[in-house]
């Protein structure tokens, strides 16, 4: 088995675990009395984050993703998601806050990691919007 086949097999195993995690996350959101439309949006955003972004370069578990938000929003998302906008960044931030709060509630991330993630969001959010603007308007950076 070559390296690529090993990579794909590991990613497929993670995707299977992620499917269960997403189903449980959806149930968690249902318990919060959110609308079905809102739940679907959050689950879709998290599916994209854990099954596309976190598996893009190397197989990473959702727990590892709590420290990857800056790279995701300042670079990857604005280049890979054709729908990237300030609004979609804000939606994804909300989804990720819900998701990692859920991950903490099931013992998969520590409280200090969750607090640090939320602080990073506050500190970096405007930079992410600026990176999006610069990417969408390349003549602005020259």
Protein backbone atom coordinates (compact mmCIF):
# COMPACT_ATOMS: atom_id res chain seq x y z
CA UNK A 1 0.00 0.00 0.00
CA UNK A 2 1.46 3.36 -1.00
CA UNK A 3 1.37 6.58 1.04
CA UNK A 4 -1.65 7.98 -0.78
CA UNK A 5 -3.68 4.81 -0.17
CA UNK A 6 -2.77 4.95 3.53
CA UNK A 7 -3.79 8.61 3.62
CA UNK A 8 -7.14 7.85 1.97
CA UNK A 9 -7.82 4.89 4.23
CA UNK A 10 -7.09 6.95 7.36
CA UNK A 11 -9.30 9.78 6.06
CA UNK A 12 -12.12 7.33 5.37
CA UNK A 13 -11.89 5.98 8.92
CA UNK A 14 -12.04 9.52 10.29
CA UNK A 15 -15.04 10.33 8.04
CA UNK A 16 -16.91 7.35 9.49
CA UNK A 17 -16.21 8.57 13.04
CA UNK A 18 -17.16 12.10 11.98
CA UNK A 19 -20.53 10.91 10.68
CA UNK A 20 -21.43 9.64 14.15
CA UNK A 21 -20.10 12.84 15.71
CA UNK A 22 -22.17 14.98 13.34
CA UNK A 23 -25.31 12.99 14.15
CA UNK A 24 -24.71 13.50 17.87
CA UNK A 25 -23.95 17.18 17.31
CA UNK A 26 -27.27 17.51 15.46
CA UNK A 27 -29.09 15.96 18.42
CA UNK A 28 -27.28 18.38 20.74
CA UNK A 29 -28.45 21.33 18.61
CA UNK A 30 -32.00 19.95 18.63
CA UNK A 31 -31.91 19.97 22.42
CA UNK A 32 -31.08 23.69 22.25
CA UNK A 33 -34.42 24.26 20.48
CA UNK A 34 -32.86 25.77 17.36
CA UNK A 35 -34.81 25.79 14.10
CA UNK A 36 -34.24 22.94 11.66
CA UNK A 37 -32.85 25.43 9.14
CA UNK A 38 -30.30 26.72 11.67
CA UNK A 39 -29.35 23.19 12.71
CA UNK A 40 -28.85 22.16 9.08
CA UNK A 41 -26.61 25.21 8.51
CA UNK A 42 -24.46 24.45 11.56
CA UNK A 43 -24.13 20.76 10.73
CA UNK A 44 -23.24 21.58 7.11
CA UNK A 45 -20.61 24.09 8.19
CA UNK A 46 -19.05 21.63 10.61
CA UNK A 47 -19.17 18.83 8.05
CA UNK A 48 -17.18 21.06 5.67
CA UNK A 49 -14.71 21.95 8.43
CA UNK A 50 -14.04 18.44 9.75
CA UNK A 51 -14.41 16.41 6.53
CA UNK A 52 -12.91 18.80 3.99
CA UNK A 53 -10.57 21.23 5.72
CA UNK A 54 -9.19 18.95 8.43
CA UNK A 55 -8.65 16.11 5.96
CA UNK A 56 -7.28 18.21 3.10
CA UNK A 57 -3.54 18.07 3.78
CA UNK A 58 -3.29 15.37 6.43
CA UNK A 59 -5.80 13.31 8.37
CA UNK A 60 -6.69 15.29 11.48
CA UNK A 61 -9.31 14.55 14.11
CA UNK A 62 -11.97 17.16 14.95
CA UNK A 63 -10.36 17.68 18.36
CA UNK A 64 -7.20 18.92 16.63
CA UNK A 65 -9.24 21.44 14.65
CA UNK A 66 -9.83 23.68 17.66
CA UNK A 67 -6.39 25.24 17.07
CA UNK A 68 -6.71 25.58 13.29
CA UNK A 69 -9.27 28.39 12.97
CA UNK A 70 -6.82 31.14 12.07
CA UNK A 71 -5.42 29.21 9.10
CA UNK A 72 -8.91 28.11 8.08
CA UNK A 73 -10.42 31.61 8.01
CA UNK A 74 -7.40 33.69 6.96
CA UNK A 75 -6.31 31.44 4.12
CA UNK A 76 -8.02 28.13 3.35
CA UNK A 77 -11.71 29.04 3.52
CA UNK A 78 -11.42 32.16 1.39
CA UNK A 79 -9.57 30.21 -1.31
CA UNK A 80 -11.54 26.95 -1.30
CA UNK A 81 -15.11 28.03 -0.56
CA UNK A 82 -16.54 29.95 -3.50
CA UNK A 83 -19.28 31.22 -1.17
CA UNK A 84 -16.80 32.85 1.23
CA UNK A 85 -18.10 36.19 2.47
CA UNK A 86 -18.15 38.16 5.70
CA UNK A 87 -21.56 36.66 6.37
CA UNK A 88 -20.39 33.08 5.76
CA UNK A 89 -17.35 33.63 7.99
CA UNK A 90 -19.65 34.85 10.76
CA UNK A 91 -21.95 31.83 10.27
CA UNK A 92 -19.00 29.46 10.43
CA UNK A 93 -17.67 31.14 13.56
CA UNK A 94 -21.04 30.58 15.24
CA UNK A 95 -21.12 26.96 14.07
CA UNK A 96 -17.61 26.32 15.34
CA UNK A 97 -18.40 27.86 18.72
CA UNK A 98 -21.42 25.56 19.04
CA UNK A 99 -19.44 22.55 17.85
CA UNK A 100 -16.48 22.97 20.16
CA UNK A 101 -18.78 23.77 23.08
CA UNK A 102 -20.46 20.45 22.29
CA UNK A 103 -17.03 18.76 22.04
CA UNK A 104 -16.21 20.11 25.48
CA UNK A 105 -19.53 18.85 26.87
CA UNK A 106 -18.64 15.29 25.79
CA UNK A 107 -15.09 15.53 27.13
CA UNK A 108 -13.30 15.78 23.78
CA UNK A 109 -11.75 19.24 24.30
CA UNK A 110 -10.58 20.92 27.48
CA UNK A 111 -12.18 24.08 28.83
CA UNK A 112 -8.94 26.05 28.44
CA UNK A 113 -8.82 25.07 24.75
CA UNK A 114 -12.41 26.25 24.30
CA UNK A 115 -11.72 29.55 26.07
CA UNK A 116 -8.57 30.11 24.02
CA UNK A 117 -10.45 29.37 20.78
CA UNK A 118 -13.12 31.94 21.65
CA UNK A 119 -10.46 34.53 22.54
CA UNK A 120 -8.66 33.87 19.25
CA UNK A 121 -11.92 34.45 17.39
CA UNK A 122 -12.40 37.81 19.10
CA UNK A 123 -8.81 38.84 18.37
CA UNK A 124 -8.61 37.61 14.77
CA UNK A 125 -12.11 38.07 13.32
CA UNK A 126 -11.40 41.48 11.76
CA UNK A 127 -8.15 40.16 10.26
CA UNK A 128 -10.12 37.32 8.64
CA UNK A 129 -12.55 39.80 7.12
CA UNK A 130 -9.60 41.84 5.86
CA UNK A 131 -7.94 38.76 4.35
CA UNK A 132 -11.19 37.97 2.54
CA UNK A 133 -11.41 41.52 1.24
CA UNK A 134 -7.79 41.43 0.03
CA UNK A 135 -8.32 38.07 -1.66
CA UNK A 136 -11.47 39.27 -3.39
CA UNK A 137 -9.76 42.52 -4.46
CA UNK A 138 -6.16 41.58 -5.34
CA UNK A 139 -5.33 45.01 -6.75
CA UNK A 140 -5.78 46.40 -3.21
CA UNK A 141 -2.66 44.62 -1.97
CA UNK A 142 -0.33 46.05 -4.61
